[in-house]
Amino acid sequence: MSVRAATKRAAALRQQISHHDHRYHTLDEPEISDAEYDALMRELRAAIATGGLAAYTAAFHEQRGSAKEAGSGEPNAGIIFG
């Protein structure tokens, strides 16, 4: 996959994951299984690895706040991956 394709795919995956997060956490009406969600996350990580900073930026452009949990020094996966 080219960097350009990985960047586009990362952005699309981020939208899908955000949709499923909302369905699961807010509406309590998941549309996909945990295994399917995990597969989307793995694909997003792979697209970011392939596309580098451009894919990361495309995937997370709408994120707000810090990627670190207050006081822990560790990334908060909920903020990073929505």
C-alpha atoms as a PDB file:
ATOM      1  CA  MET A   1       0.000   0.000   0.000  1.00  0.00           C
ATOM      2  CA  SER A   2       1.366   3.420  -0.930  1.00  0.00           C
ATOM      3  CA  VAL A   3       1.725   6.213   1.613  1.00  0.00           C
ATOM      4  CA  ARG A   4      -1.122   8.085  -0.077  1.00  0.00           C
ATOM      5  CA  ALA A   5      -3.416   5.051   0.001  1.00  0.00           C
ATOM      6  CA  ALA A   6      -2.476   4.337   3.634  1.00  0.00           C
ATOM      7  CA  THR A   7      -3.280   7.931   4.571  1.00  0.00           C
ATOM      8  CA  LYS A   8      -6.712   7.744   2.935  1.00  0.00           C
ATOM      9  CA  ARG A   9      -7.415   4.353   4.486  1.00  0.00           C
ATOM     10  CA  ALA A  10      -6.381   5.573   7.954  1.00  0.00           C
ATOM     11  CA  ALA A  11      -8.813   8.482   7.715  1.00  0.00           C
ATOM     12  CA  ALA A  12     -11.642   6.191   6.582  1.00  0.00           C
ATOM     13  CA  LEU A  13     -10.909   3.683   9.334  1.00  0.00           C
ATOM     14  CA  ARG A  14     -10.874   6.435  11.940  1.00  0.00           C
ATOM     15  CA  GLN A  15     -14.359   7.490  10.841  1.00  0.00           C
ATOM     16  CA  GLN A  16     -15.605   3.898  11.018  1.00  0.00           C
ATOM     17  CA  ILE A  17     -14.099   3.359  14.452  1.00  0.00           C
ATOM     18  CA  SER A  18     -15.574   6.615  15.727  1.00  0.00           C
ATOM     19  CA  HIS A  19     -19.009   5.546  14.471  1.00  0.00           C
ATOM     20  CA  HIS A  20     -18.737   2.183  16.210  1.00  0.00           C
ATOM     21  CA  ASP A  21     -17.449   3.789  19.413  1.00  0.00           C
ATOM     22  CA  HIS A  22     -20.543   6.007  19.480  1.00  0.00           C
ATOM     23  CA  ARG A  23     -22.877   3.082  18.815  1.00  0.00           C
ATOM     24  CA  TYR A  24     -21.255   1.005  21.554  1.00  0.00           C
ATOM     25  CA  HIS A  25     -20.546   3.558  24.291  1.00  0.00           C
ATOM     26  CA  THR A  26     -23.301   6.142  23.827  1.00  0.00           C
ATOM     27  CA  LEU A  27     -26.219   4.275  22.315  1.00  0.00           C
ATOM     28  CA  ASP A  28     -25.448   0.826  23.762  1.00  0.00           C
ATOM     29  CA  GLU A  29     -26.346  -0.593  20.326  1.00  0.00           C
ATOM     30  CA  PRO A  30     -23.212  -2.113  18.791  1.00  0.00           C
ATOM     31  CA  GLU A  31     -23.366  -3.010  15.105  1.00  0.00           C
ATOM     32  CA  ILE A  32     -20.243  -5.158  14.988  1.00  0.00           C
ATOM     33  CA  SER A  33     -18.637  -7.761  17.214  1.00  0.00           C
ATOM     34  CA  ASP A  34     -15.620  -7.097  19.403  1.00  0.00           C
ATOM     35  CA  ALA A  35     -13.551  -9.213  17.006  1.00  0.00           C
ATOM     36  CA  GLU A  36     -14.613  -7.068  14.035  1.00  0.00           C
ATOM     37  CA  TYR A  37     -13.797  -3.891  15.979  1.00  0.00           C
ATOM     38  CA  ASP A  38     -10.387  -5.298  16.906  1.00  0.00           C
ATOM     39  CA  ALA A  39      -9.745  -6.052  13.220  1.00  0.00           C
ATOM     40  CA  LEU A  40     -10.516  -2.417  12.320  1.00  0.00           C
ATOM     41  CA  MET A  41      -8.080  -1.250  15.000  1.00  0.00           C
ATOM     42  CA  ARG A  42      -5.349  -3.583  13.708  1.00  0.00           C
ATOM     43  CA  GLU A  43      -5.914  -2.322  10.169  1.00  0.00           C
ATOM     44  CA  LEU A  44      -5.739   1.294  11.379  1.00  0.00           C
ATOM     45  CA  ARG A  45      -2.453   0.643  13.161  1.00  0.00           C
ATOM     46  CA  ALA A  46      -1.062  -1.005  10.016  1.00  0.00           C
ATOM     47  CA  ALA A  47      -2.172   1.929   7.836  1.00  0.00           C
ATOM     48  CA  ILE A  48      -0.502   4.353  10.235  1.00  0.00           C
ATOM     49  CA  ALA A  49       2.674   2.265  10.224  1.00  0.00           C
ATOM     50  CA  THR A  50       2.697   2.308   6.415  1.00  0.00           C
ATOM     51  CA  GLY A  51       1.645   5.915   5.930  1.00  0.00           C
ATOM     52  CA  GLY A  52       3.732   7.410   8.713  1.00  0.00           C
ATOM     53  CA  LEU A  53       3.006  10.886  10.026  1.00  0.00           C
ATOM     54  CA  ALA A  54       0.652  11.750   7.166  1.00  0.00           C
ATOM     55  CA  ALA A  55      -1.592   8.771   7.964  1.00  0.00           C
ATOM     56  CA  TYR A  56      -1.435   9.501  11.684  1.00  0.00           C
ATOM     57  CA  THR A  57      -2.466  13.106  11.080  1.00  0.00           C
ATOM     58  CA  ALA A  58      -5.287  12.099   8.732  1.00  0.00           C
ATOM     59  CA  ALA A  59      -6.543   9.486  11.163  1.00  0.00           C
ATOM     60  CA  PHE A  60      -6.608  11.748  14.191  1.00  0.00           C
ATOM     61  CA  HIS A  61      -7.146  15.267  12.851  1.00  0.00           C
ATOM     62  CA  GLU A  62     -10.397  15.721  14.771  1.00  0.00           C
ATOM     63  CA  GLN A  63      -9.072  14.509  18.115  1.00  0.00           C
ATOM     64  CA  ARG A  64      -9.017  17.021  20.944  1.00  0.00           C
ATOM     65  CA  GLY A  65      -7.056  17.059  24.175  1.00  0.00           C
ATOM     66  CA  SER A  66      -3.898  15.336  25.255  1.00  0.00           C
ATOM     67  CA  ALA A  67      -2.812  11.848  24.296  1.00  0.00           C
ATOM     68  CA  LYS A  68      -1.537  11.321  27.818  1.00  0.00           C
ATOM     69  CA  GLU A  69      -3.686  10.432  30.743  1.00  0.00           C
ATOM     70  CA  ALA A  70      -3.287  12.962  33.550  1.00  0.00           C
ATOM     71  CA  GLY A  71      -0.379  12.034  35.768  1.00  0.00           C
ATOM     72  CA  SER A  72       0.293   8.563  34.374  1.00  0.00           C
ATOM     73  CA  GLY A  73       2.759   9.394  31.616  1.00  0.00           C
ATOM     74  CA  GLU A  74       1.148   6.642  29.530  1.00  0.00           C
ATOM     75  CA  PRO A  75      -0.914   7.221  26.385  1.00  0.00           C
ATOM     76  CA  ASN A  76      -4.655   6.939  26.901  1.00  0.00           C
ATOM     77  CA  ALA A  77      -5.885   4.559  24.183  1.00  0.00           C
ATOM     78  CA  GLY A  78      -9.389   5.991  24.484  1.00  0.00           C
ATOM     79  CA  ILE A  79      -8.125   9.403  23.437  1.00  0.00           C
ATOM     80  CA  ILE A  80      -5.770   8.080  20.782  1.00  0.00           C
ATOM     81  CA  PHE A  81      -8.167   5.618  19.178  1.00  0.00           C
ATOM     82  CA  GLY A  82     -11.460   7.184  20.226  1.00  0.00           C
END
